Protein backbone atom coordinates (compact mmCIF):
# COMPACT_ATOMS: atom_id res chain seq x y z
CA MET A 1 -43.68 135.48 -89.08
CA PRO A 2 -46.44 138.11 -89.14
CA ASN A 3 -49.37 137.52 -86.81
CA LYS A 4 -51.80 137.40 -89.74
CA ALA A 5 -51.46 133.62 -89.76
CA ASN A 6 -54.61 131.50 -90.00
CA LEU A 7 -55.27 129.33 -86.93
CA LEU A 8 -57.81 126.53 -86.48
CA ILE A 9 -58.82 125.54 -82.94
CA VAL A 10 -60.45 122.12 -82.55
CA ASP A 11 -61.93 121.21 -79.14
CA ASP A 12 -65.27 119.78 -78.06
CA GLU A 13 -65.41 122.11 -75.02
CA LEU A 14 -67.00 125.50 -75.76
CA ILE A 15 -65.12 127.28 -72.99
CA VAL A 16 -61.76 126.12 -74.42
CA ARG A 17 -62.67 127.21 -77.94
CA ASP A 18 -63.89 130.62 -76.75
CA SER A 19 -60.88 131.24 -74.49
CA LEU A 20 -58.29 130.29 -77.11
CA SER A 21 -60.13 132.19 -79.83
CA LYS A 22 -60.14 135.33 -77.68
CA TRP A 23 -56.44 135.00 -76.77
CA PHE A 24 -55.29 134.59 -80.34
CA HIS A 25 -57.58 137.26 -81.75
CA GLU A 26 -55.92 139.63 -79.28
CA GLU A 27 -52.54 138.43 -80.54
CA GLY A 28 -53.57 139.44 -84.06
CA TYR A 29 -54.22 136.04 -85.61
CA ASP A 30 -57.12 135.11 -87.90
CA VAL A 31 -58.88 132.35 -85.90
CA ALA A 32 -61.49 129.75 -86.81
CA VAL A 33 -62.94 127.18 -84.38
CA ALA A 34 -64.35 123.67 -84.75
CA GLU A 35 -66.09 121.48 -82.18
CA GLY A 36 -64.98 118.16 -83.64
CA ALA A 37 -63.18 116.31 -86.41
CA GLN A 38 -65.94 116.57 -89.04
CA ASP A 39 -66.36 120.29 -88.46
CA ALA A 40 -62.57 120.80 -88.68
CA LEU A 41 -62.24 118.88 -91.96
CA GLN A 42 -65.08 120.87 -93.50
CA LYS A 43 -63.39 124.12 -92.57
CA MET A 44 -60.10 122.86 -94.05
CA ALA A 45 -61.96 122.15 -97.31
CA GLN A 46 -63.09 125.79 -97.40
CA ARG A 47 -59.79 127.54 -96.63
CA GLN A 48 -56.12 126.96 -95.88
CA PHE A 49 -54.73 127.16 -92.34
CA ASP A 50 -51.17 127.69 -91.16
CA LEU A 51 -51.57 125.98 -87.79
CA ALA A 52 -54.15 123.88 -85.95
CA LEU A 53 -54.55 123.42 -82.22
CA VAL A 54 -56.19 120.01 -81.77
CA ASP A 55 -57.52 118.43 -78.60
CA ILE A 56 -56.62 114.76 -78.26
CA LYS A 57 -59.66 113.57 -76.30
CA MET A 58 -62.84 114.25 -78.30
CA PRO A 59 -66.01 112.21 -78.89
CA GLY A 60 -65.95 110.18 -82.09
CA THR A 61 -62.78 110.76 -84.07
CA ASP A 62 -60.00 111.62 -81.60
CA GLY A 63 -57.24 114.16 -82.11
CA VAL A 64 -54.57 111.67 -83.19
CA GLU A 65 -56.74 110.34 -86.03
CA LEU A 66 -57.79 113.87 -86.95
CA GLN A 67 -54.15 114.91 -87.13
CA ARG A 68 -53.47 112.07 -89.60
CA ARG A 69 -56.40 113.08 -91.80
CA MET A 70 -55.42 116.77 -91.65
CA HIS A 71 -51.93 115.95 -92.92
CA GLU A 72 -53.43 113.93 -95.77
CA ILE A 73 -55.24 117.09 -96.85
CA ASP A 74 -52.38 119.51 -96.14
CA PRO A 75 -48.94 117.97 -95.40
CA ASP A 76 -47.54 121.42 -94.52
CA LEU A 77 -50.11 122.15 -91.81
CA LEU A 78 -48.56 122.65 -88.38
CA VAL A 79 -50.44 120.74 -85.67
CA ILE A 80 -50.06 121.34 -81.95
CA MET A 81 -51.84 118.78 -79.77
CA MET A 82 -53.72 119.84 -76.62
CA THR A 83 -53.73 117.26 -73.88
CA GLY A 84 -54.50 116.61 -70.24
CA TYR A 85 -51.74 115.25 -68.01
CA ALA A 86 -53.08 111.70 -68.24
CA SER A 87 -52.68 111.59 -72.02
CA VAL A 88 -49.11 112.89 -72.36
CA GLU A 89 -47.97 109.53 -73.75
CA THR A 90 -50.62 109.83 -76.46
CA ALA A 91 -49.32 113.31 -77.25
CA VAL A 92 -45.79 111.99 -77.61
CA ALA A 93 -47.11 109.36 -80.00
CA ALA A 94 -48.70 112.20 -81.99
CA LEU A 95 -45.28 113.88 -82.18
CA LYS A 96 -43.86 110.75 -83.75
CA ASN A 97 -46.64 110.93 -86.35
CA GLY A 98 -45.82 114.49 -87.37
CA ALA A 99 -47.28 116.87 -84.80
CA TYR A 100 -45.09 119.90 -84.16
CA ASP A 101 -45.53 119.95 -80.38
CA TYR A 102 -48.07 119.51 -77.58
CA VAL A 103 -49.35 121.69 -74.73
CA SER A 104 -50.85 120.48 -71.47
CA LYS A 105 -54.08 121.65 -69.88
CA PRO A 106 -54.72 123.90 -68.03
CA PHE A 107 -53.17 126.40 -70.45
CA ASP A 108 -50.81 129.23 -69.62
CA PRO A 109 -51.73 131.93 -72.20
CA GLU A 110 -48.15 133.25 -72.40
CA GLU A 111 -46.67 129.78 -72.86
CA MET A 112 -49.32 128.88 -75.43
CA ALA A 113 -48.63 132.07 -77.42
CA HIS A 114 -44.88 131.40 -77.22
CA THR A 115 -45.31 127.86 -78.58
CA VAL A 116 -47.47 129.06 -81.48
CA ARG A 117 -45.02 131.86 -82.37
CA ASN A 118 -42.12 129.40 -82.34
CA ALA A 119 -44.00 126.96 -84.56
CA LEU A 120 -44.93 129.60 -87.13
CA SER A 121 -41.44 131.12 -87.11
CA HIS A 122 -39.91 127.66 -87.59
CA ARG A 123 -42.15 126.96 -90.58
CA GLN A 124 -41.38 130.37 -92.10
CA ALA A 125 -37.65 129.72 -91.69
CA GLN A 126 -38.01 126.32 -93.35
CA ARG A 127 -39.88 127.87 -96.28
CA GLU A 128 -37.25 130.60 -96.70
CA ASN A 129 -34.49 128.03 -96.40
CA THR A 130 -36.05 125.89 -99.11
CA GLN A 131 -36.54 128.89 -101.40
CA LEU A 132 -32.95 129.99 -100.84
CA ARG A 133 -31.55 126.55 -101.58
CA GLN A 134 -33.67 126.29 -104.72
CA THR A 135 -32.45 129.70 -105.85
CA LEU A 136 -28.83 128.80 -105.15
CA ALA A 137 -29.23 125.56 -107.06
CA ALA A 138 -30.74 127.47 -109.99
CA VAL A 139 -27.82 129.93 -110.22
CA GLY A 140 -25.04 127.40 -109.93
CA GLY A 141 -25.14 125.77 -106.54
CA PRO A 142 -24.08 126.76 -103.04
CA ARG A 143 -20.62 127.92 -101.94
CA GLU A 144 -18.32 125.02 -102.61
CA LEU A 145 -15.03 123.54 -101.53
CA THR A 146 -12.35 124.98 -103.79
CA GLY A 147 -9.23 123.23 -105.08
CA GLN A 148 -7.69 121.39 -108.01
CA SER A 149 -4.73 119.79 -106.23
CA PRO A 150 -4.63 115.97 -106.01
CA GLU A 151 -5.29 116.24 -102.27
CA MET A 152 -8.48 118.27 -102.77
CA MET A 153 -9.64 116.16 -105.70
CA ARG A 154 -9.63 113.17 -103.34
CA VAL A 155 -11.74 115.15 -100.86
CA LEU A 156 -14.22 116.20 -103.54
CA GLU A 157 -14.51 112.61 -104.78
CA ALA A 158 -15.16 111.44 -101.22
CA VAL A 159 -17.91 114.06 -100.80
CA GLN A 160 -19.63 112.94 -104.00
CA THR A 161 -19.33 109.30 -102.94
CA VAL A 162 -20.83 109.64 -99.46
CA ALA A 163 -23.34 112.47 -100.00
CA PRO A 164 -26.18 110.40 -101.57
CA THR A 165 -25.99 107.83 -98.75
CA GLU A 166 -27.24 108.05 -95.18
CA ALA A 167 -23.81 107.15 -93.73
CA THR A 168 -22.50 109.05 -90.72
CA VAL A 169 -19.42 111.06 -91.68
CA LEU A 170 -16.42 112.11 -89.57
CA ILE A 171 -14.43 115.04 -90.99
CA ALA A 172 -10.91 115.37 -89.60
CA GLY A 173 -8.56 118.29 -90.12
CA GLU A 174 -6.78 121.21 -88.55
CA SER A 175 -8.62 124.39 -87.60
CA GLY A 176 -9.38 126.54 -90.63
CA THR A 177 -9.24 123.78 -93.24
CA GLY A 178 -12.95 124.07 -94.05
CA LYS A 179 -14.60 121.24 -92.12
CA GLU A 180 -17.96 123.00 -91.87
CA LEU A 181 -17.82 123.88 -95.57
CA CYS A 182 -17.17 120.20 -96.31
CA ALA A 183 -20.18 119.23 -94.19
CA ARG A 184 -22.35 121.73 -96.06
CA ALA A 185 -21.13 120.32 -99.37
CA ILE A 186 -22.19 116.82 -98.26
CA HIS A 187 -25.60 118.09 -97.14
CA ALA A 188 -26.10 120.11 -100.34
CA ALA A 189 -25.42 117.04 -102.50
CA SER A 190 -27.61 114.71 -100.40
CA ASN A 191 -31.27 113.77 -100.64
CA ARG A 192 -31.81 115.88 -97.49
CA ARG A 193 -30.65 119.12 -99.11
CA PHE A 194 -34.04 120.86 -98.98
CA ASN A 195 -34.36 120.19 -95.24
CA PRO A 196 -32.40 122.05 -92.56
CA MET A 197 -28.75 121.61 -91.68
CA VAL A 198 -28.26 122.46 -88.01
CA VAL A 199 -24.76 123.33 -86.79
CA ILE A 200 -23.60 122.90 -83.19
CA HIS A 201 -20.12 124.05 -82.09
CA CYS A 202 -19.67 121.61 -79.21
CA GLY A 203 -16.50 123.18 -77.87
CA ALA A 204 -18.16 126.54 -77.26
CA LEU A 205 -20.76 125.27 -74.75
CA THR A 206 -20.66 123.92 -71.21
CA GLU A 207 -21.93 120.38 -70.62
CA THR A 208 -25.33 121.58 -69.33
CA LEU A 209 -25.87 124.07 -72.14
CA LEU A 210 -24.74 121.56 -74.76
CA GLU A 211 -27.26 118.96 -73.52
CA SER A 212 -30.04 121.54 -73.72
CA GLU A 213 -28.95 122.64 -77.21
CA LEU A 214 -28.71 119.07 -78.50
CA PHE A 215 -31.74 117.45 -76.88
CA GLY A 216 -33.97 120.37 -75.84
CA HIS A 217 -35.60 120.82 -72.45
CA GLU A 218 -38.96 120.98 -70.74
CA LYS A 219 -40.29 124.03 -68.95
CA GLY A 220 -38.79 124.17 -65.45
CA ALA A 221 -36.10 121.58 -66.20
CA PHE A 222 -33.52 123.96 -64.72
CA THR A 223 -33.26 127.55 -63.56
CA GLY A 224 -34.14 129.85 -66.44
CA ALA A 225 -36.04 127.22 -68.44
CA GLN A 226 -39.24 129.26 -68.78
CA TYR A 227 -40.52 127.42 -71.86
CA ARG A 228 -40.26 124.04 -73.50
CA LYS A 229 -37.46 124.15 -76.08
CA LYS A 230 -36.75 121.86 -78.99
CA GLY A 231 -33.15 120.73 -79.33
CA SER A 232 -30.95 120.65 -82.42
CA PHE A 233 -31.79 117.03 -83.24
CA GLU A 234 -35.49 117.90 -83.40
CA MET A 235 -34.78 121.06 -85.38
CA ALA A 236 -32.79 118.97 -87.88
CA GLN A 237 -35.82 116.75 -88.56
CA GLY A 238 -35.48 115.35 -92.07
CA GLY A 239 -32.13 117.08 -92.54
CA THR A 240 -28.57 117.01 -91.23
CA ILE A 241 -26.99 117.83 -87.88
CA PHE A 242 -23.34 118.90 -87.91
CA LEU A 243 -21.45 118.41 -84.64
CA ASP A 244 -18.27 120.47 -84.80
CA GLU A 245 -15.42 119.99 -82.32
CA ILE A 246 -16.85 116.61 -81.31
CA GLY A 247 -13.66 115.80 -79.39
CA ASP A 248 -14.48 118.47 -76.79
CA ILE A 249 -17.69 116.95 -75.38
CA SER A 250 -17.80 115.36 -71.93
CA LEU A 251 -18.01 111.62 -71.34
CA LYS A 252 -21.58 111.96 -70.03
CA THR A 253 -22.72 113.79 -73.15
CA GLN A 254 -20.86 111.22 -75.26
CA THR A 255 -22.99 108.50 -73.62
CA ASP A 256 -26.22 110.39 -74.34
CA LEU A 257 -25.11 111.11 -77.90
CA LEU A 258 -24.25 107.47 -78.57
CA ARG A 259 -27.78 106.43 -77.61
CA VAL A 260 -29.31 109.05 -79.90
CA LEU A 261 -27.17 107.91 -82.83
CA GLN A 262 -28.11 104.28 -82.21
CA GLU A 263 -31.83 104.67 -81.52
CA HIS A 264 -32.67 107.92 -83.37
CA GLU A 265 -34.59 108.96 -80.26
CA ILE A 266 -33.96 111.92 -77.98
CA THR A 267 -35.27 112.71 -74.51
CA ARG A 268 -35.54 116.37 -73.60
CA VAL A 269 -33.83 117.51 -70.39
CA GLY A 270 -36.43 117.26 -67.62
CA SER A 271 -38.56 114.68 -69.46
CA THR A 272 -38.77 110.89 -69.56
CA GLN A 273 -40.63 110.62 -72.87
CA PRO A 274 -38.50 109.60 -75.89
CA ILE A 275 -39.13 111.40 -79.19
CA HIS A 276 -38.22 109.86 -82.55
CA VAL A 277 -35.99 112.03 -84.74
CA ASP A 278 -34.97 111.63 -88.38
CA PHE A 279 -31.52 113.07 -89.08
CA ARG A 280 -28.18 112.45 -90.74
CA CYS A 281 -25.15 113.10 -88.54
CA ILE A 282 -21.87 114.65 -89.68
CA ALA A 283 -19.18 115.29 -87.06
CA ALA A 284 -15.85 117.08 -87.23
CA THR A 285 -12.73 117.27 -85.11
CA ASN A 286 -9.33 118.91 -85.13
CA LYS A 287 -8.09 116.48 -82.48
CA ASP A 288 -6.64 112.97 -82.63
CA LEU A 289 -9.59 110.96 -81.34
CA GLY A 290 -7.45 107.83 -81.21
CA SER A 291 -5.18 109.49 -78.65
CA LEU A 292 -8.21 110.72 -76.67
CA ILE A 293 -9.51 107.13 -76.56
CA GLN A 294 -6.17 105.91 -75.14
CA GLU A 295 -6.32 108.69 -72.54
CA GLY A 296 -9.85 107.65 -71.55
CA LYS A 297 -11.34 110.94 -72.71
CA PHE A 298 -13.36 109.63 -75.66
CA ARG A 299 -15.60 106.56 -75.88
CA PRO A 300 -14.37 104.04 -78.46
CA ASP A 301 -17.94 102.89 -79.23
CA LEU A 302 -18.94 106.48 -80.04
CA TYR A 303 -15.87 106.84 -82.24
CA TYR A 304 -16.82 103.72 -84.21
CA ARG A 305 -20.39 105.01 -84.55
CA LEU A 306 -19.16 108.37 -85.90
CA ASN A 307 -16.31 107.04 -88.03
CA VAL A 308 -18.43 105.14 -90.55
CA PHE A 309 -16.91 107.21 -93.37
CA GLN A 310 -13.98 109.54 -92.73
CA ILE A 311 -12.82 112.49 -94.80
CA ARG A 312 -9.49 114.12 -93.95
CA LEU A 313 -9.08 117.72 -95.04
CA PRO A 314 -5.45 118.53 -95.87
CA PRO A 315 -3.84 121.66 -94.38
CA LEU A 316 -3.12 124.45 -96.85
CA ARG A 317 0.63 123.83 -96.64
CA GLU A 318 0.03 120.41 -98.22
CA ARG A 319 -1.85 121.86 -101.21
CA LYS A 320 -0.08 125.12 -102.02
CA SER A 321 -0.98 124.77 -105.70
CA ASP A 322 -4.54 125.69 -104.67
CA ILE A 323 -3.55 129.04 -103.17
CA PRO A 324 -3.81 131.10 -106.42
CA LEU A 325 -7.25 129.61 -107.09
CA LEU A 326 -8.44 130.31 -103.55
CA VAL A 327 -7.08 133.86 -103.66
CA ASP A 328 -8.93 134.50 -106.92
CA VAL A 329 -12.20 133.28 -105.36
CA PHE A 330 -11.73 135.49 -102.29
CA VAL A 331 -10.75 138.56 -104.31
CA ARG A 332 -13.84 138.30 -106.50
CA ARG A 333 -16.10 137.73 -103.48
CA PHE A 334 -14.76 140.67 -101.48
CA SER A 335 -14.61 142.90 -104.54
CA ALA A 336 -18.36 142.44 -104.95
CA SER A 337 -19.23 142.79 -101.25
CA MET A 338 -17.00 145.86 -100.75
CA ASN A 339 -17.90 147.42 -104.10
CA LYS A 340 -14.22 147.69 -105.04
CA ARG A 341 -12.78 147.27 -108.52
CA ILE A 342 -9.96 145.01 -107.49
CA THR A 343 -9.80 141.86 -109.55
CA ARG A 344 -6.19 140.67 -109.44
CA VAL A 345 -3.11 140.16 -107.31
CA SER A 346 0.37 141.24 -108.35
CA PRO A 347 2.86 138.43 -109.18
CA GLU A 348 5.08 139.52 -106.28
CA ALA A 349 2.19 139.42 -103.81
CA MET A 350 1.06 136.03 -105.09
CA GLU A 351 4.59 134.69 -104.67
CA GLN A 352 4.51 135.93 -101.09
CA LEU A 353 1.16 134.24 -100.45
CA VAL A 354 2.33 130.90 -101.87
CA ALA A 355 5.53 131.00 -99.80
CA TYR A 356 3.73 131.71 -96.53
CA PRO A 357 3.17 128.65 -94.23
CA TRP A 358 -0.49 129.48 -93.33
CA PRO A 359 -0.75 127.84 -89.89
CA GLY A 360 -4.38 129.05 -89.80
CA ASN A 361 -5.05 127.35 -93.16
CA VAL A 362 -7.74 128.49 -95.62
CA ARG A 363 -9.58 130.62 -93.06
CA GLU A 364 -6.40 132.57 -92.34
CA LEU A 365 -5.84 133.06 -96.08
CA GLU A 366 -9.39 134.33 -96.48
CA ASN A 367 -8.94 136.77 -93.60
CA ALA A 368 -5.63 137.98 -95.05
CA VAL A 369 -7.21 138.68 -98.43
CA GLU A 370 -10.14 140.48 -96.79
CA ARG A 371 -7.80 142.75 -94.81
CA ALA A 372 -5.77 143.45 -97.93
CA MET A 373 -8.93 144.36 -99.85
CA VAL A 374 -9.84 146.86 -97.12
CA VAL A 375 -6.52 148.74 -97.24
CA ALA A 376 -5.74 148.42 -100.96
CA GLN A 377 -5.78 151.63 -103.00
CA GLU A 378 -4.70 150.26 -106.39
CA PRO A 379 -6.60 148.11 -108.94
CA GLU A 380 -4.57 145.11 -107.79
CA LEU A 381 -3.43 143.75 -104.44
CA ARG A 382 0.26 144.31 -103.76
CA GLU A 383 2.77 143.00 -101.26
CA GLN A 384 2.39 146.01 -98.97
CA ASP A 385 -1.36 145.33 -98.70
CA PHE A 386 -0.66 142.12 -96.81
CA SER A 387 0.71 142.10 -93.26
CA LEU A 388 2.49 138.75 -93.58
CA LYS A 389 5.94 138.37 -92.08
CA LEU A 390 7.89 135.61 -93.77
CA ALA A 391 10.93 133.90 -92.33
CA ALA A 392 14.31 134.88 -93.74
CA PRO A 393 15.89 132.35 -96.20
CA ALA A 394 18.42 131.26 -93.56
CA GLU A 395 15.53 130.25 -91.30
CA ALA A 396 13.63 128.26 -93.94
CA SER A 397 14.52 124.96 -92.27
CA ARG A 398 12.60 125.82 -89.08
CA THR A 399 9.87 123.43 -87.97
CA LEU A 400 6.17 124.09 -88.52
CA GLU A 401 5.85 124.73 -84.78
CA ASP A 402 8.51 127.46 -85.08
CA ALA A 403 6.61 129.04 -87.98
CA GLU A 404 3.34 128.87 -86.03
CA ARG A 405 4.97 130.46 -82.98
CA ALA A 406 6.44 133.30 -85.06
CA HIS A 407 3.13 133.94 -86.78
CA ILE A 408 1.06 133.94 -83.59
CA LEU A 409 3.47 136.31 -81.83
CA SER A 410 3.51 138.53 -84.91
CA VAL A 411 -0.28 138.79 -84.99
CA LEU A 412 -0.33 139.40 -81.23
CA ASP A 413 2.17 142.21 -81.68
CA GLU A 414 0.02 143.78 -84.42
CA CYS A 415 -2.95 143.61 -82.01
CA ASP A 416 -0.95 145.39 -79.28
CA GLY A 417 -1.07 142.31 -77.08
CA ASN A 418 -4.88 142.07 -77.14
CA GLN A 419 -5.52 138.30 -77.04
CA THR A 420 -9.21 138.59 -77.94
CA ARG A 421 -8.44 140.52 -81.14
CA ALA A 422 -5.52 138.24 -81.98
CA ALA A 423 -7.68 135.13 -81.55
CA ALA A 424 -10.27 136.64 -83.94
CA VAL A 425 -7.59 137.39 -86.56
CA LEU A 426 -6.12 133.88 -86.22
CA ASP A 427 -9.64 132.35 -86.26
CA ILE A 428 -9.06 130.30 -83.13
CA ASP A 429 -10.83 130.51 -79.79
CA ARG A 430 -9.24 132.52 -76.98
CA VAL A 431 -8.58 129.44 -74.83
CA THR A 432 -6.57 127.82 -77.62
CA LEU A 433 -4.57 131.03 -78.09
CA HIS A 434 -3.93 131.29 -74.34
CA ASN A 435 -2.66 127.70 -74.23
CA LYS A 436 -0.35 128.26 -77.19
CA LEU A 437 1.03 131.46 -75.68
CA LYS A 438 1.65 129.65 -72.41
CA LYS A 439 3.46 126.93 -74.35
CA TYR A 440 5.56 129.52 -76.18
CA GLY A 441 6.44 131.38 -72.98
CA TRP A 442 4.88 134.60 -74.22
CA LYS A 443 4.53 136.15 -70.75
CA LYS A 444 8.20 135.58 -70.06
CA VAL A 445 9.15 137.17 -73.37
CA THR A 446 7.00 140.25 -72.77
CA ALA A 447 8.47 140.61 -69.28
CA GLU A 448 11.97 140.72 -70.77
CA VAL A 449 10.92 143.33 -73.30
CA THR A 450 9.43 145.58 -70.66
């Protein structure tokens, strides 16, 4: 957000008002000061402010009461409370009543400026997000789950059933089936749709980093923690948090997460003060959580808390009648983004796409269409534009695992053995690819070839 934001500083100490006013003028902000609650409210009646820095301990009306009255006048006003060490608990109470954050005296100018920039950037992002969602709603709604098969119709009905409620949702399905898209569809159809949806890919983070991302941390909580940071649950205030790959989190983080889901309170890493958070939780997994429970790797009480309402996304091989519809959607999307006049797929190519097993599901199909759009030279996509290698008719009775093995090794061959590139094409993480290759004996095969 540009620095031309309007700031209001409220403190009964002249030296504090003068110091902060000087700092923020140098930062490029438009700053007004007030020595107490009455003075601050009068200034708010004269002009609009983007953010107010309010001292908690003031004669007469204190900062907490002033914050309440400020929000009655302007609900969108950001308020950061200024507090001495002894009144941190009061500051936390102010957070529960709608303050954005608090800073402790004596002030560190760099930390203070960082907190203000974060607050203003967060509000700007929320405004842009709201405008974008309103625009999308006006032109026909956000990107949606696509399908007309009986399997997908059941999914769409489930989304419409659960979206208006506050129920926690667990989305189960193989990688690439569209679990995040399903979560976004639930959020977009819910009463929280104009508030943020925050996505966390749990499997991509270590335990320590995941805790910091989920719950936030205080300055100095660990090496490298130079500033206080809000976690995803706080950032999702009033909206939805989507926890992808929930089966990959550690038992310790599962315990912390269970408490948050039960109490709707988080405690930042390095702090002992709980903070109330308002969120709706949607989780997703491509693993069998029941098996993980039996193996002692997943808490049953967390599973029951997450599995209030479950939606299972079918793999693409179970809804092949949706493939032509999905291909049409992808072709039109990439035709517009690539500025290409390709609007159809030849019957032979479509037959090939329908026959293919798609172990990577819808995401793999989308990637295949995108690659074909890049190389295509004709007004329609043809068989030669796709790099799919189908099994011969005599091999049609092979298992799904055989088909997956053949496809993975084929993609790896096309990538000249580069596992990072192959994992990107297959839309799986490199660790998953490595484990599958180890299972398939890929190293042994390549040794024989060489």
